[in-house]
């Protein structure tokens, strides 16, 4: 009747007994004692339905939805994943296969435990010999958890603001004006404004989505940065271009500055997803540039606006040498080229070139 159940019948000094165990050595699910075999049989028949129900609970595996592997499966079937470009989907699928193998058996309820973050980082660190790949695997899982928390499938995301082991200096990688034109042509107005505000302020993504109108003063945006756990306050001057974007958004007395088309505040994950979609539009395929690289774009904006490089370094939280490298590569060279073209225009012979 119940395959695998271990049944034991014994004679007692006062009669007979029958015990059922879910499996040999497993938990007992039935215990009946009687003076006669007939009485014992009736007792066993009466207790059997409860024992069968208990057996099913013990031997049937819990739903896959209760584990990280089930959460990954849901994400791979969701519009959040299916709406991404083919290349990004392929990369995510590969990284999530590794996550499913490594931590897929973790119950979702464990995500709220204090030690779970360390468990996930330790799993990532097993592959630290290839740090970029290791971070990409954990980053893919972090994307799933951020999506799940946003959709109410979990209450705690232990991979918010997780530390990378792959260090790369991308300070001198920027979105140029032609890059931004390609990205934003045809994009939704709310996404376009968010990208431009990032490009003009240099705020990290996690800080950008948290800026409220209370942070926006007459001449500067003042904000305690999340990377420093609120210990560092950054003061970002409001340049004419930044002011124009804020004016387009429309001043409000309360609430976050950036909201999406449904009127809700943008999340970092939501903006990154929107960025991936915009980058991967048919015929677009913008490669090698990330949302984070808008910080370098902001540095060029501040330099062109006339801020001293030392002030730009303070705003960005960079070493002065990083700012100087950007100035040499993107600002100074353009200024030299502009001067050359101006001299050519004044030179009548230049028209024949």
Protein backbone atom coordinates (compact mmCIF):
# COMPACT_ATOMS: atom_id res chain seq x y z
CA UNK A 1 0.00 0.00 0.00
CA UNK A 2 2.85 2.40 0.88
CA UNK A 3 6.09 1.44 -0.90
CA UNK A 4 9.09 1.87 1.33
CA UNK A 5 7.17 1.88 4.62
CA UNK A 6 8.87 -0.26 7.26
CA UNK A 7 6.28 -2.19 9.32
CA UNK A 8 7.12 -3.93 12.57
CA UNK A 9 4.79 -6.33 14.45
CA UNK A 10 5.72 -7.48 17.92
CA UNK A 11 4.22 -9.61 20.67
CA UNK A 12 3.85 -8.02 24.06
CA UNK A 13 3.22 -9.52 27.45
CA UNK A 14 -0.21 -7.90 27.33
CA UNK A 15 -1.02 -8.50 23.68
CA UNK A 16 0.27 -7.34 20.30
CA UNK A 17 1.64 -4.14 18.70
CA UNK A 18 2.25 -2.79 15.22
CA UNK A 19 4.55 0.12 14.32
CA UNK A 20 5.00 1.83 10.97
CA UNK A 21 8.08 3.84 10.01
CA UNK A 22 8.28 6.06 6.95
CA UNK A 23 11.39 4.09 5.95
CA UNK A 24 13.78 1.76 7.70
CA UNK A 25 15.39 3.87 10.40
CA UNK A 26 13.01 6.74 9.61
CA UNK A 27 10.38 8.49 11.77
CA UNK A 28 7.50 6.47 13.23
CA UNK A 29 4.16 7.29 11.63
CA UNK A 30 1.87 4.72 13.36
CA UNK A 31 1.85 2.95 16.71
CA UNK A 32 -1.02 0.65 17.77
CA UNK A 33 -1.33 -1.79 20.70
CA UNK A 34 -4.15 -4.27 21.43
CA UNK A 35 -4.83 -7.45 23.35
CA UNK A 36 -5.90 -9.49 20.33
CA UNK A 37 -4.95 -9.64 16.66
CA UNK A 38 -8.52 -8.68 15.67
CA UNK A 39 -8.50 -5.58 17.88
CA UNK A 40 -5.07 -4.63 16.54
CA UNK A 41 -6.24 -4.91 12.93
CA UNK A 42 -9.22 -2.61 13.65
CA UNK A 43 -6.95 -0.07 15.34
CA UNK A 44 -4.46 -0.15 12.46
CA UNK A 45 -7.27 0.38 9.92
CA UNK A 46 -8.51 3.38 11.91
CA UNK A 47 -5.05 4.94 12.25
CA UNK A 48 -3.90 4.20 8.70
CA UNK A 49 -5.33 7.35 6.96
CA UNK A 50 -3.42 9.70 9.29
CA UNK A 51 -0.26 7.60 8.88
CA UNK A 52 -0.60 7.68 5.08
CA UNK A 53 -0.97 11.47 5.10
CA UNK A 54 2.10 11.81 7.31
CA UNK A 55 4.04 9.43 5.05
CA UNK A 56 3.28 11.56 1.97
CA UNK A 57 4.49 14.70 3.70
CA UNK A 58 7.73 13.01 4.70
CA UNK A 59 8.65 11.26 1.46
CA UNK A 60 7.33 13.58 -1.24
CA UNK A 61 9.83 16.31 -2.10
CA UNK A 62 8.73 19.89 -1.42
CA UNK A 63 7.73 22.01 -4.38
CA UNK A 64 10.66 23.29 -6.41
CA UNK A 65 9.22 26.76 -5.89
CA UNK A 66 10.45 26.62 -2.31
CA UNK A 67 14.10 26.66 -3.39
CA UNK A 68 16.50 29.01 -5.17
CA UNK A 69 16.47 26.70 -8.20
CA UNK A 70 12.72 27.21 -8.56
CA UNK A 71 13.17 30.96 -8.30
CA UNK A 72 15.73 30.85 -11.12
CA UNK A 73 13.29 28.89 -13.27
CA UNK A 74 10.57 31.49 -12.69
CA UNK A 75 12.94 34.29 -13.62
CA UNK A 76 13.94 32.54 -16.87
CA UNK A 77 10.24 32.36 -17.79
CA UNK A 78 9.54 35.99 -16.86
CA UNK A 79 9.24 39.06 -19.13
CA UNK A 80 12.18 40.56 -17.21
CA UNK A 81 14.42 37.88 -18.75
CA UNK A 82 12.65 37.26 -22.04
CA UNK A 83 12.70 40.98 -22.83
CA UNK A 84 16.49 41.13 -22.77
CA UNK A 85 18.69 40.92 -25.87
CA UNK A 86 19.83 37.54 -27.14
CA UNK A 87 23.42 37.98 -25.98
CA UNK A 88 22.43 39.03 -22.47
CA UNK A 89 19.94 36.14 -22.18
CA UNK A 90 22.62 33.67 -23.24
CA UNK A 91 25.10 35.01 -20.68
CA UNK A 92 22.55 35.06 -17.87
CA UNK A 93 21.37 31.54 -18.65
CA UNK A 94 24.94 30.23 -18.49
CA UNK A 95 25.72 31.97 -15.22
CA UNK A 96 22.42 30.91 -13.66
CA UNK A 97 23.06 27.28 -14.60
CA UNK A 98 26.16 27.50 -12.39
CA UNK A 99 24.14 29.15 -9.60
CA UNK A 100 21.48 26.45 -9.84
CA UNK A 101 24.15 23.77 -9.45
CA UNK A 102 25.96 25.55 -6.64
CA UNK A 103 23.22 26.99 -4.43
CA UNK A 104 19.97 25.85 -6.07
CA UNK A 105 19.00 23.62 -3.15
CA UNK A 106 18.96 26.56 -0.72
CA UNK A 107 15.41 27.04 0.65
CA UNK A 108 13.94 30.47 -0.05
CA UNK A 109 13.21 30.93 3.63
CA UNK A 110 16.97 30.76 4.26
CA UNK A 111 17.48 33.98 2.28
CA UNK A 112 16.34 35.96 5.30
CA UNK A 113 18.92 34.33 7.59
CA UNK A 114 21.82 36.45 8.78
CA UNK A 115 24.50 34.05 7.53
CA UNK A 116 23.13 33.57 4.00
CA UNK A 117 25.04 36.48 2.47
CA UNK A 118 28.34 34.92 3.59
CA UNK A 119 27.28 31.51 2.25
CA UNK A 120 26.61 33.02 -1.18
CA UNK A 121 29.85 35.02 -1.19
CA UNK A 122 31.78 31.90 -0.13
CA UNK A 123 30.24 30.01 -3.05
CA UNK A 124 31.35 32.79 -5.40
CA UNK A 125 34.84 32.76 -3.90
CA UNK A 126 35.31 29.10 -4.87
CA UNK A 127 35.86 30.42 -8.39
CA UNK A 128 38.03 33.41 -7.51
CA UNK A 129 40.82 32.08 -9.73
CA UNK A 130 38.71 33.60 -12.53
CA UNK A 131 37.37 36.66 -10.69
CA UNK A 132 35.37 38.16 -13.54
CA UNK A 133 33.47 34.92 -14.14
CA UNK A 134 32.98 34.43 -10.40
CA UNK A 135 31.45 37.89 -10.07
CA UNK A 136 29.29 37.36 -13.15
CA UNK A 137 27.82 34.19 -11.64
CA UNK A 138 26.95 35.90 -8.39
CA UNK A 139 25.78 38.98 -10.28
CA UNK A 140 23.32 36.87 -12.27
CA UNK A 141 21.93 35.41 -9.04
CA UNK A 142 21.77 38.91 -7.54
CA UNK A 143 19.68 39.99 -10.54
CA UNK A 144 17.25 37.13 -9.91
CA UNK A 145 16.95 38.01 -6.23
CA UNK A 146 16.39 41.70 -7.00
CA UNK A 147 13.64 40.75 -9.46
CA UNK A 148 12.07 38.34 -6.95
CA UNK A 149 12.02 40.93 -4.17
CA UNK A 150 10.52 43.54 -6.50
CA UNK A 151 7.75 41.09 -7.46
CA UNK A 152 7.12 40.09 -3.83
CA UNK A 153 8.37 36.51 -4.18
CA UNK A 154 10.92 37.02 -1.40
CA UNK A 155 11.15 39.61 1.37
CA UNK A 156 14.92 39.82 1.80
CA UNK A 157 17.64 40.07 -0.84
CA UNK A 158 20.99 39.15 0.76
CA UNK A 159 22.90 40.31 -2.34
CA UNK A 160 22.10 44.00 -2.27
CA UNK A 161 25.29 46.04 -2.71
CA UNK A 162 27.52 42.94 -2.74
CA UNK A 163 31.32 43.35 -2.98
CA UNK A 164 33.14 42.41 -6.20
CA UNK A 165 36.45 40.56 -6.33
CA UNK A 166 37.08 41.55 -9.95
CA UNK A 167 38.55 45.02 -9.91
CA UNK A 168 38.75 47.04 -13.09
CA UNK A 169 39.27 50.76 -13.46
CA UNK A 170 36.62 51.99 -15.87
CA UNK A 171 36.94 55.64 -14.86
CA UNK A 172 38.20 56.66 -18.28
CA UNK A 173 35.47 54.72 -20.13
CA UNK A 174 32.60 57.05 -20.93
CA UNK A 175 29.44 57.38 -22.98
CA UNK A 176 30.23 59.95 -25.65
CA UNK A 177 27.57 62.20 -27.12
CA UNK A 178 27.12 59.97 -30.22
CA UNK A 179 26.78 56.93 -27.92
CA UNK A 180 24.03 58.63 -25.91
CA UNK A 181 22.21 59.75 -29.04
CA UNK A 182 22.14 56.16 -30.29
CA UNK A 183 20.97 54.87 -26.91
CA UNK A 184 18.26 57.44 -26.28
CA UNK A 185 16.80 57.92 -29.76
CA UNK A 186 13.29 56.49 -29.54
CA UNK A 187 13.61 55.71 -25.81
CA UNK A 188 10.86 56.47 -23.30
CA UNK A 189 11.07 59.96 -21.82
CA UNK A 190 11.38 58.70 -18.22
CA UNK A 191 14.32 56.45 -19.10
CA UNK A 192 15.96 59.19 -21.17
CA UNK A 193 15.76 61.66 -18.29
CA UNK A 194 17.20 59.14 -15.85
CA UNK A 195 20.17 58.44 -18.11
CA UNK A 196 20.84 62.13 -18.71
CA UNK A 197 20.60 62.93 -15.00
CA UNK A 198 23.19 60.21 -14.38
CA UNK A 199 25.39 61.61 -17.16
CA UNK A 200 25.22 65.14 -15.74
CA UNK A 201 25.54 64.34 -11.99
CA UNK A 202 27.89 61.35 -11.86
CA UNK A 203 25.81 59.68 -9.15
CA UNK A 204 26.21 55.94 -8.71
CA UNK A 205 23.13 54.00 -9.74
CA UNK A 206 22.21 53.11 -6.15
CA UNK A 207 22.33 56.80 -5.18
CA UNK A 208 20.69 58.09 -8.35
CA UNK A 209 17.42 56.26 -7.72
CA UNK A 210 17.33 57.47 -4.10
CA UNK A 211 17.62 61.19 -4.83
CA UNK A 212 14.54 62.98 -3.50
CA UNK A 213 13.42 66.52 -4.12
CA UNK A 214 14.50 67.27 -0.56
CA UNK A 215 18.08 66.59 -1.74
CA UNK A 216 17.78 69.13 -4.55
CA UNK A 217 18.75 72.61 -3.44
CA UNK A 218 18.96 75.87 -5.34
CA UNK A 219 22.48 75.29 -6.63
CA UNK A 220 23.43 71.73 -5.63
CA UNK A 221 22.21 68.20 -4.99
CA UNK A 222 23.32 67.07 -1.52
CA UNK A 223 23.17 63.37 -0.73
CA UNK A 224 24.64 60.88 1.74
CA UNK A 225 26.09 58.12 -0.44
CA UNK A 226 24.98 54.52 0.03
CA UNK A 227 28.47 53.17 -0.68
CA UNK A 228 29.76 54.85 2.48
CA UNK A 229 26.71 53.76 4.49
CA UNK A 230 25.73 57.40 4.77
CA UNK A 231 29.08 58.54 6.20
CA UNK A 232 30.11 60.51 3.10
CA UNK A 233 27.96 63.38 1.86
CA UNK A 234 28.44 64.37 -1.76
CA UNK A 235 27.59 67.87 -3.01
CA UNK A 236 26.96 68.00 -6.75
CA UNK A 237 26.65 71.41 -8.41
CA UNK A 238 23.57 71.91 -10.54
CA UNK A 239 24.91 72.94 -13.93
CA UNK A 240 22.61 74.43 -16.60
CA UNK A 241 22.18 71.01 -18.26
CA UNK A 242 21.31 69.36 -14.95
CA UNK A 243 18.86 72.15 -14.18
CA UNK A 244 17.21 71.66 -17.57
CA UNK A 245 16.67 67.95 -16.88
CA UNK A 246 15.24 68.68 -13.42
CA UNK A 247 12.91 71.22 -15.00
CA UNK A 248 11.74 68.66 -17.55
CA UNK A 249 10.98 66.17 -14.77
CA UNK A 250 9.00 68.82 -12.91
CA UNK A 251 9.67 70.02 -9.40
CA UNK A 252 7.79 68.26 -6.61
CA UNK A 253 7.93 68.93 -2.90
CA UNK A 254 8.16 65.27 -1.91
CA UNK A 255 9.17 61.92 -3.34
CA UNK A 256 12.00 60.67 -5.47
CA UNK A 257 13.14 62.69 -8.44
CA UNK A 258 13.19 59.79 -10.90
CA UNK A 259 10.03 57.81 -11.58
CA UNK A 260 9.12 55.51 -14.46
CA UNK A 261 6.10 55.61 -16.76
CA UNK A 262 3.78 54.14 -14.10
CA UNK A 263 4.66 56.91 -11.66
CA UNK A 264 6.63 54.68 -9.28
CA UNK A 265 10.27 55.32 -8.29
CA UNK A 266 12.87 53.70 -10.51
CA UNK A 267 14.92 50.93 -8.92
CA UNK A 268 18.54 50.27 -9.78
CA UNK A 269 17.58 46.89 -11.20
CA UNK A 270 14.78 48.45 -13.26
CA UNK A 271 17.09 51.05 -14.79
CA UNK A 272 19.73 48.45 -15.59
CA UNK A 273 17.10 46.29 -17.28
CA UNK A 274 15.83 49.26 -19.28
CA UNK A 275 19.43 50.04 -20.26
CA UNK A 276 19.98 46.48 -21.50
CA UNK A 277 16.80 46.63 -23.58
CA UNK A 278 17.79 49.95 -25.11
CA UNK A 279 21.31 48.70 -25.87
CA UNK A 280 20.00 45.52 -27.50
CA UNK A 281 17.32 47.00 -29.73
CA UNK A 282 17.44 45.64 -33.29
CA UNK A 283 20.30 47.25 -35.15
CA UNK A 284 21.61 48.87 -31.96
CA UNK A 285 23.91 46.41 -30.16
CA UNK A 286 25.91 48.92 -28.12
CA UNK A 287 28.79 46.89 -26.71
CA UNK A 288 31.33 47.58 -23.98
CA UNK A 289 29.41 50.34 -22.19
CA UNK A 290 27.57 50.05 -18.88
CA UNK A 291 25.27 52.26 -16.84
CA UNK A 292 28.17 52.83 -14.44
CA UNK A 293 30.22 54.38 -17.26
CA UNK A 294 27.92 57.40 -17.19
CA UNK A 295 30.04 58.55 -14.24
CA UNK A 296 32.96 59.16 -16.57
CA UNK A 297 30.63 61.08 -18.86
CA UNK A 298 29.64 63.26 -15.91
CA UNK A 299 33.29 63.99 -15.18
CA UNK A 300 33.75 65.37 -18.71
CA UNK A 301 30.59 67.41 -18.24
CA UNK A 302 31.92 68.99 -15.03
CA UNK A 303 35.30 69.71 -16.63
CA UNK A 304 33.67 71.41 -19.63
CA UNK A 305 31.47 73.38 -17.24
CA UNK A 306 34.65 74.91 -15.80
CA UNK A 307 35.01 73.07 -12.49
CA UNK A 308 38.61 72.67 -11.31
CA UNK A 309 39.81 69.09 -11.65
CA UNK A 310 40.39 68.84 -7.90
CA UNK A 311 36.70 69.63 -7.34
CA UNK A 312 35.66 67.08 -9.94
CA UNK A 313 37.80 64.46 -8.18
CA UNK A 314 36.08 65.28 -4.88
CA UNK A 315 32.60 65.03 -6.39
CA UNK A 316 33.33 61.70 -8.09
CA UNK A 317 35.32 60.24 -5.18
CA UNK A 318 38.24 59.58 -7.54
CA UNK A 319 41.95 60.23 -7.41
CA UNK A 320 42.94 63.46 -9.22
CA UNK A 321 44.98 61.39 -11.68
CA UNK A 322 41.81 59.63 -12.87
CA UNK A 323 40.14 62.96 -13.62
CA UNK A 324 43.22 64.23 -15.39
CA UNK A 325 43.29 61.09 -17.56
CA UNK A 326 39.70 61.70 -18.62
CA UNK A 327 40.45 65.35 -19.34
CA UNK A 328 43.41 64.43 -21.53
CA UNK A 329 41.52 61.75 -23.39
CA UNK A 330 38.09 63.31 -23.93
CA UNK A 331 38.18 67.01 -23.13
CA UNK A 332 41.60 68.40 -23.89
CA UNK A 333 41.89 66.49 -27.18
CA UNK A 334 38.48 67.78 -28.29
CA UNK A 335 39.47 71.33 -27.37
CA UNK A 336 42.68 71.00 -29.41
CA UNK A 337 40.74 69.57 -32.36
CA UNK A 338 38.18 72.38 -32.14
CA UNK A 339 40.99 74.95 -32.19
CA UNK A 340 42.55 73.32 -35.22
CA UNK A 341 39.25 73.38 -37.10
CA UNK A 342 38.71 77.02 -36.21
CA UNK A 343 42.14 77.91 -37.59
CA UNK A 344 41.37 75.96 -40.76
CA UNK A 345 38.16 77.92 -41.23
CA UNK A 346 40.09 81.17 -40.98
CA UNK A 347 42.63 79.87 -43.48
CA UNK A 348 41.14 80.28 -46.94
CA UNK A 349 43.34 77.47 -48.22
CA UNK A 350 41.79 75.13 -45.72
CA UNK A 351 38.58 75.07 -47.69
CA UNK A 352 40.33 72.99 -50.35
CA UNK A 353 41.29 70.18 -47.94
